[in-house]
Amino acid sequence: MKNKPAIVLSLLLMLSLLAIGGCGQPVEPTPEPPDTMTYDVVLYFTNMEYVETGDQSLPVLLTETSEIEVGAEEEPYHVLLKALSTPVEEAHGTMISEQLVIHKVAYSPEGSDLLLVDLAKEGLTGGSLGESLLISQIVETLLANESLAGDRPTPTRVQFLVDGEIVESLMGHIDASAPFESKQ
């Protein structure tokens, strides 16, 4: 029984050494934000049957749901517009062609709910139907995807620019000097 205090003391010493040994362990770093974010989005495409027939009883735009991946340095709304170049459904068309260059999509510094879409002059050709479809396709797609705003204000209007400037019209048929709102 003389050894009982020695055993207890030895156990306490070993527990102390184990506890002290754990103090030198590195602290787990805070996880880095992911390099890309994935968003579920709604894309608006032109209804090819409407375009071919002109039947006013048909919807002008049709929707598709999709996923987009946005890199940490990318503007989600710009990536969204790039996704409009490739419809999945056969009955869906698009006015976003390889010839259409989208310089950038950004929030306006003058209006927190206003998105600016800056297009290159080259590639902006077509008739009034083409211009109307291009504007509708872009405006409806941008304004339907509130989740892309994140902690920023939800956009409710879209202003088109051509090579950084507000213009009267994109293709010469529709007034584009003021912001557009959703018609949906």
C-alpha atoms as a PDB file:
ATOM      1  CA  MET A   1       0.000   0.000   0.000  1.00  0.00           C
ATOM      2  CA  LYS A   2       3.013   2.272   0.242  1.00  0.00           C
ATOM      3  CA  ASN A   3       3.158   2.371  -3.542  1.00  0.00           C
ATOM      4  CA  LYS A   4      -0.410   3.653  -3.976  1.00  0.00           C
ATOM      5  CA  PRO A   5       0.533   7.355  -3.622  1.00  0.00           C
ATOM      6  CA  ALA A   6       3.461   6.796  -6.010  1.00  0.00           C
ATOM      7  CA  ILE A   7       1.151   5.217  -8.597  1.00  0.00           C
ATOM      8  CA  VAL A   8      -1.375   8.052  -8.321  1.00  0.00           C
ATOM      9  CA  LEU A   9       1.435  10.616  -8.572  1.00  0.00           C
ATOM     10  CA  SER A  10       2.850   8.830 -11.637  1.00  0.00           C
ATOM     11  CA  LEU A  11      -0.558   8.811 -13.326  1.00  0.00           C
ATOM     12  CA  LEU A  12      -1.053  12.523 -12.618  1.00  0.00           C
ATOM     13  CA  LEU A  13       2.421  13.253 -14.024  1.00  0.00           C
ATOM     14  CA  MET A  14       1.671  11.287 -17.212  1.00  0.00           C
ATOM     15  CA  LEU A  15      -1.684  13.039 -17.684  1.00  0.00           C
ATOM     16  CA  SER A  16       0.018  16.400 -17.183  1.00  0.00           C
ATOM     17  CA  LEU A  17       2.661  15.549 -19.781  1.00  0.00           C
ATOM     18  CA  LEU A  18      -0.019  14.456 -22.250  1.00  0.00           C
ATOM     19  CA  ALA A  19      -1.972  17.676 -21.692  1.00  0.00           C
ATOM     20  CA  ILE A  20       1.130  19.833 -22.118  1.00  0.00           C
ATOM     21  CA  GLY A  21       2.144  17.877 -25.221  1.00  0.00           C
ATOM     22  CA  GLY A  22      -1.170  18.757 -26.871  1.00  0.00           C
ATOM     23  CA  CYS A  23      -0.595  22.483 -26.364  1.00  0.00           C
ATOM     24  CA  GLY A  24       2.061  22.569 -29.051  1.00  0.00           C
ATOM     25  CA  GLN A  25      -0.270  21.252 -31.766  1.00  0.00           C
ATOM     26  CA  PRO A  26      -0.985  23.678 -34.610  1.00  0.00           C
ATOM     27  CA  VAL A  27      -4.455  25.203 -34.711  1.00  0.00           C
ATOM     28  CA  GLU A  28      -6.547  24.198 -37.734  1.00  0.00           C
ATOM     29  CA  PRO A  29      -6.658  27.160 -40.157  1.00  0.00           C
ATOM     30  CA  THR A  30      -9.983  28.713 -41.075  1.00  0.00           C
ATOM     31  CA  PRO A  31     -11.112  27.184 -44.359  1.00  0.00           C
ATOM     32  CA  GLU A  32     -10.528  29.347 -47.424  1.00  0.00           C
ATOM     33  CA  PRO A  33     -13.554  30.361 -49.465  1.00  0.00           C
ATOM     34  CA  PRO A  34     -13.994  28.105 -52.499  1.00  0.00           C
ATOM     35  CA  ASP A  35     -12.317  29.090 -55.768  1.00  0.00           C
ATOM     36  CA  THR A  36     -15.648  28.713 -57.565  1.00  0.00           C
ATOM     37  CA  MET A  37     -19.281  28.993 -56.594  1.00  0.00           C
ATOM     38  CA  THR A  38     -22.061  27.054 -58.309  1.00  0.00           C
ATOM     39  CA  TYR A  39     -25.433  28.712 -58.841  1.00  0.00           C
ATOM     40  CA  ASP A  40     -28.748  27.334 -60.065  1.00  0.00           C
ATOM     41  CA  VAL A  41     -30.029  29.840 -62.628  1.00  0.00           C
ATOM     42  CA  VAL A  42     -32.923  30.511 -64.982  1.00  0.00           C
ATOM     43  CA  LEU A  43     -31.983  31.357 -68.559  1.00  0.00           C
ATOM     44  CA  TYR A  44     -34.350  33.020 -71.040  1.00  0.00           C
ATOM     45  CA  PHE A  45     -34.095  31.933 -74.666  1.00  0.00           C
ATOM     46  CA  THR A  46     -35.998  32.945 -77.775  1.00  0.00           C
ATOM     47  CA  ASN A  47     -38.901  30.738 -78.804  1.00  0.00           C
ATOM     48  CA  MET A  48     -37.892  29.590 -82.283  1.00  0.00           C
ATOM     49  CA  GLU A  49     -41.490  28.749 -83.219  1.00  0.00           C
ATOM     50  CA  TYR A  50     -42.483  32.351 -82.429  1.00  0.00           C
ATOM     51  CA  VAL A  51     -39.549  33.684 -84.483  1.00  0.00           C
ATOM     52  CA  GLU A  52     -40.376  31.448 -87.475  1.00  0.00           C
ATOM     53  CA  THR A  53     -44.153  31.925 -87.480  1.00  0.00           C
ATOM     54  CA  GLY A  54     -44.733  35.310 -85.843  1.00  0.00           C
ATOM     55  CA  ASP A  55     -47.675  33.718 -84.009  1.00  0.00           C
ATOM     56  CA  GLN A  56     -48.580  36.272 -81.329  1.00  0.00           C
ATOM     57  CA  SER A  57     -50.304  33.601 -79.223  1.00  0.00           C
ATOM     58  CA  LEU A  58     -46.930  31.959 -78.518  1.00  0.00           C
ATOM     59  CA  PRO A  59     -44.577  33.091 -75.765  1.00  0.00           C
ATOM     60  CA  VAL A  60     -41.646  35.122 -77.086  1.00  0.00           C
ATOM     61  CA  LEU A  61     -39.193  33.720 -74.542  1.00  0.00           C
ATOM     62  CA  LEU A  62     -38.804  30.246 -73.075  1.00  0.00           C
ATOM     63  CA  THR A  63     -36.848  29.304 -69.958  1.00  0.00           C
ATOM     64  CA  GLU A  64     -34.277  26.689 -69.081  1.00  0.00           C
ATOM     65  CA  THR A  65     -32.806  25.980 -65.681  1.00  0.00           C
ATOM     66  CA  SER A  66     -29.089  25.429 -65.530  1.00  0.00           C
ATOM     67  CA  GLU A  67     -26.029  25.634 -63.304  1.00  0.00           C
ATOM     68  CA  ILE A  68     -23.192  28.076 -63.739  1.00  0.00           C
ATOM     69  CA  GLU A  69     -19.801  28.077 -62.065  1.00  0.00           C
ATOM     70  CA  VAL A  70     -18.394  31.459 -61.116  1.00  0.00           C
ATOM     71  CA  GLY A  71     -14.734  31.947 -60.261  1.00  0.00           C
ATOM     72  CA  ALA A  72     -13.715  34.045 -57.277  1.00  0.00           C
ATOM     73  CA  GLU A  73     -12.612  36.939 -59.499  1.00  0.00           C
ATOM     74  CA  GLU A  74     -15.557  36.790 -61.924  1.00  0.00           C
ATOM     75  CA  GLU A  75     -18.763  38.848 -61.926  1.00  0.00           C
ATOM     76  CA  PRO A  76     -21.633  36.322 -61.615  1.00  0.00           C
ATOM     77  CA  TYR A  77     -23.929  38.319 -63.910  1.00  0.00           C
ATOM     78  CA  HIS A  78     -21.285  38.356 -66.669  1.00  0.00           C
ATOM     79  CA  VAL A  79     -20.883  34.577 -66.421  1.00  0.00           C
ATOM     80  CA  LEU A  80     -24.682  34.281 -66.526  1.00  0.00           C
ATOM     81  CA  LEU A  81     -24.882  36.121 -69.861  1.00  0.00           C
ATOM     82  CA  LYS A  82     -22.185  33.882 -71.338  1.00  0.00           C
ATOM     83  CA  ALA A  83     -24.423  30.901 -70.507  1.00  0.00           C
ATOM     84  CA  LEU A  84     -27.047  32.342 -72.860  1.00  0.00           C
ATOM     85  CA  SER A  85     -24.939  31.447 -75.885  1.00  0.00           C
ATOM     86  CA  THR A  86     -25.808  27.738 -75.771  1.00  0.00           C
ATOM     87  CA  PRO A  87     -29.432  26.664 -75.329  1.00  0.00           C
ATOM     88  CA  VAL A  88     -29.996  23.012 -74.517  1.00  0.00           C
ATOM     89  CA  GLU A  89     -33.545  22.640 -75.832  1.00  0.00           C
ATOM     90  CA  GLU A  90     -33.997  22.348 -79.605  1.00  0.00           C
ATOM     91  CA  ALA A  91     -36.955  24.775 -79.648  1.00  0.00           C
ATOM     92  CA  HIS A  92     -34.856  27.458 -77.948  1.00  0.00           C
ATOM     93  CA  GLY A  93     -32.787  30.008 -79.816  1.00  0.00           C
ATOM     94  CA  THR A  94     -30.462  32.756 -78.680  1.00  0.00           C
ATOM     95  CA  MET A  95     -29.439  36.212 -79.741  1.00  0.00           C
ATOM     96  CA  ILE A  96     -26.130  35.839 -77.883  1.00  0.00           C
ATOM     97  CA  SER A  97     -23.805  34.795 -80.692  1.00  0.00           C
ATOM     98  CA  GLU A  98     -20.037  34.586 -81.003  1.00  0.00           C
ATOM     99  CA  GLN A  99     -20.153  37.934 -82.814  1.00  0.00           C
ATOM    100  CA  LEU A 100     -21.718  39.660 -79.803  1.00  0.00           C
ATOM    101  CA  VAL A 101     -18.996  40.799 -77.424  1.00  0.00           C
ATOM    102  CA  ILE A 102     -20.028  41.559 -73.854  1.00  0.00           C
ATOM    103  CA  HIS A 103     -17.318  43.836 -72.463  1.00  0.00           C
ATOM    104  CA  LYS A 104     -18.654  43.670 -68.929  1.00  0.00           C
ATOM    105  CA  VAL A 105     -21.653  43.495 -66.636  1.00  0.00           C
ATOM    106  CA  ALA A 106     -21.434  45.538 -63.457  1.00  0.00           C
ATOM    107  CA  TYR A 107     -23.482  47.381 -60.897  1.00  0.00           C
ATOM    108  CA  SER A 108     -23.877  51.072 -61.645  1.00  0.00           C
ATOM    109  CA  PRO A 109     -22.095  53.355 -59.185  1.00  0.00           C
ATOM    110  CA  GLU A 110     -25.077  55.738 -59.493  1.00  0.00           C
ATOM    111  CA  GLY A 111     -27.894  53.278 -58.745  1.00  0.00           C
ATOM    112  CA  SER A 112     -27.561  50.267 -56.502  1.00  0.00           C
ATOM    113  CA  ASP A 113     -30.375  48.341 -58.234  1.00  0.00           C
ATOM    114  CA  LEU A 114     -29.064  49.091 -61.741  1.00  0.00           C
ATOM    115  CA  LEU A 115     -26.937  46.670 -63.758  1.00  0.00           C
ATOM    116  CA  LEU A 116     -24.865  48.021 -66.644  1.00  0.00           C
ATOM    117  CA  VAL A 117     -24.362  45.752 -69.659  1.00  0.00           C
ATOM    118  CA  ASP A 118     -21.560  47.032 -71.882  1.00  0.00           C
ATOM    119  CA  LEU A 119     -21.616  45.570 -75.411  1.00  0.00           C
ATOM    120  CA  ALA A 120     -19.176  46.049 -78.280  1.00  0.00           C
ATOM    121  CA  LYS A 121     -20.517  47.930 -81.321  1.00  0.00           C
ATOM    122  CA  GLU A 122     -19.265  45.165 -83.603  1.00  0.00           C
ATOM    123  CA  GLY A 123     -21.767  42.336 -83.637  1.00  0.00           C
ATOM    124  CA  LEU A 124     -24.759  44.579 -82.962  1.00  0.00           C
ATOM    125  CA  THR A 125     -26.579  44.141 -86.246  1.00  0.00           C
ATOM    126  CA  GLY A 126     -30.080  43.044 -87.104  1.00  0.00           C
ATOM    127  CA  GLY A 127     -33.653  44.090 -87.501  1.00  0.00           C
ATOM    128  CA  SER A 128     -36.144  45.274 -84.946  1.00  0.00           C
ATOM    129  CA  LEU A 129     -37.170  41.721 -83.976  1.00  0.00           C
ATOM    130  CA  GLY A 130     -33.555  40.726 -83.362  1.00  0.00           C
ATOM    131  CA  GLU A 131     -32.930  43.840 -81.278  1.00  0.00           C
ATOM    132  CA  SER A 132     -36.103  43.291 -79.251  1.00  0.00           C
ATOM    133  CA  LEU A 133     -35.240  39.638 -78.608  1.00  0.00           C
ATOM    134  CA  LEU A 134     -31.655  40.471 -77.597  1.00  0.00           C
ATOM    135  CA  ILE A 135     -32.805  43.096 -75.097  1.00  0.00           C
ATOM    136  CA  SER A 136     -35.574  40.885 -73.689  1.00  0.00           C
ATOM    137  CA  GLN A 137     -33.350  37.832 -73.392  1.00  0.00           C
ATOM    138  CA  ILE A 138     -30.646  39.739 -71.491  1.00  0.00           C
ATOM    139  CA  VAL A 139     -32.954  41.791 -69.254  1.00  0.00           C
ATOM    140  CA  GLU A 140     -35.180  38.880 -68.217  1.00  0.00           C
ATOM    141  CA  THR A 141     -32.219  36.577 -67.543  1.00  0.00           C
ATOM    142  CA  LEU A 142     -30.322  39.130 -65.457  1.00  0.00           C
ATOM    143  CA  LEU A 143     -33.315  40.172 -63.370  1.00  0.00           C
ATOM    144  CA  ALA A 144     -34.647  36.630 -62.783  1.00  0.00           C
ATOM    145  CA  ASN A 145     -31.548  35.458 -60.924  1.00  0.00           C
ATOM    146  CA  GLU A 146     -31.582  37.278 -57.602  1.00  0.00           C
ATOM    147  CA  SER A 147     -29.284  34.730 -55.951  1.00  0.00           C
ATOM    148  CA  LEU A 148     -26.335  36.105 -57.945  1.00  0.00           C
ATOM    149  CA  ALA A 149     -26.570  39.408 -56.078  1.00  0.00           C
ATOM    150  CA  GLY A 150     -25.225  37.817 -52.908  1.00  0.00           C
ATOM    151  CA  ASP A 151     -24.927  40.545 -50.290  1.00  0.00           C
ATOM    152  CA  ARG A 152     -25.406  43.284 -52.914  1.00  0.00           C
ATOM    153  CA  PRO A 153     -28.774  44.887 -53.725  1.00  0.00           C
ATOM    154  CA  THR A 154     -31.045  42.870 -56.002  1.00  0.00           C
ATOM    155  CA  PRO A 155     -31.004  44.445 -59.466  1.00  0.00           C
ATOM    156  CA  THR A 156     -34.356  45.632 -60.838  1.00  0.00           C
ATOM    157  CA  ARG A 157     -33.178  47.529 -63.942  1.00  0.00           C
ATOM    158  CA  VAL A 158     -30.685  47.044 -66.786  1.00  0.00           C
ATOM    159  CA  GLN A 159     -28.964  49.855 -68.699  1.00  0.00           C
ATOM    160  CA  PHE A 160     -27.247  48.995 -71.964  1.00  0.00           C
ATOM    161  CA  LEU A 161     -23.994  50.649 -72.987  1.00  0.00           C
ATOM    162  CA  VAL A 162     -22.136  50.341 -76.273  1.00  0.00           C
ATOM    163  CA  ASP A 163     -18.374  50.597 -75.885  1.00  0.00           C
ATOM    164  CA  GLY A 164     -18.867  52.244 -72.494  1.00  0.00           C
ATOM    165  CA  GLU A 165     -21.411  54.875 -73.596  1.00  0.00           C
ATOM    166  CA  ILE A 166     -25.193  55.145 -73.254  1.00  0.00           C
ATOM    167  CA  VAL A 167     -26.657  55.095 -76.773  1.00  0.00           C
ATOM    168  CA  GLU A 168     -30.047  55.873 -78.293  1.00  0.00           C
ATOM    169  CA  SER A 169     -30.363  52.358 -79.689  1.00  0.00           C
ATOM    170  CA  LEU A 170     -28.374  49.141 -79.882  1.00  0.00           C
ATOM    171  CA  MET A 171     -29.237  48.355 -83.511  1.00  0.00           C
ATOM    172  CA  GLY A 172     -31.207  51.424 -84.586  1.00  0.00           C
ATOM    173  CA  HIS A 173     -34.765  50.276 -83.824  1.00  0.00           C
ATOM    174  CA  ILE A 174     -35.511  50.391 -80.077  1.00  0.00           C
ATOM    175  CA  ASP A 175     -34.859  53.227 -77.634  1.00  0.00           C
ATOM    176  CA  ALA A 176     -32.106  52.033 -75.297  1.00  0.00           C
ATOM    177  CA  SER A 177     -31.258  55.384 -73.709  1.00  0.00           C
ATOM    178  CA  ALA A 178     -33.064  54.546 -70.443  1.00  0.00           C
ATOM    179  CA  PRO A 179     -32.870  51.437 -68.235  1.00  0.00           C
ATOM    180  CA  PHE A 180     -35.109  48.431 -68.931  1.00  0.00           C
ATOM    181  CA  GLU A 181     -37.193  46.552 -66.345  1.00  0.00           C
ATOM    182  CA  SER A 182     -38.561  43.021 -66.424  1.00  0.00           C
ATOM    183  CA  LYS A 183     -41.807  42.425 -68.333  1.00  0.00           C
ATOM    184  CA  GLN A 184     -42.380  39.054 -66.662  1.00  0.00           C
END
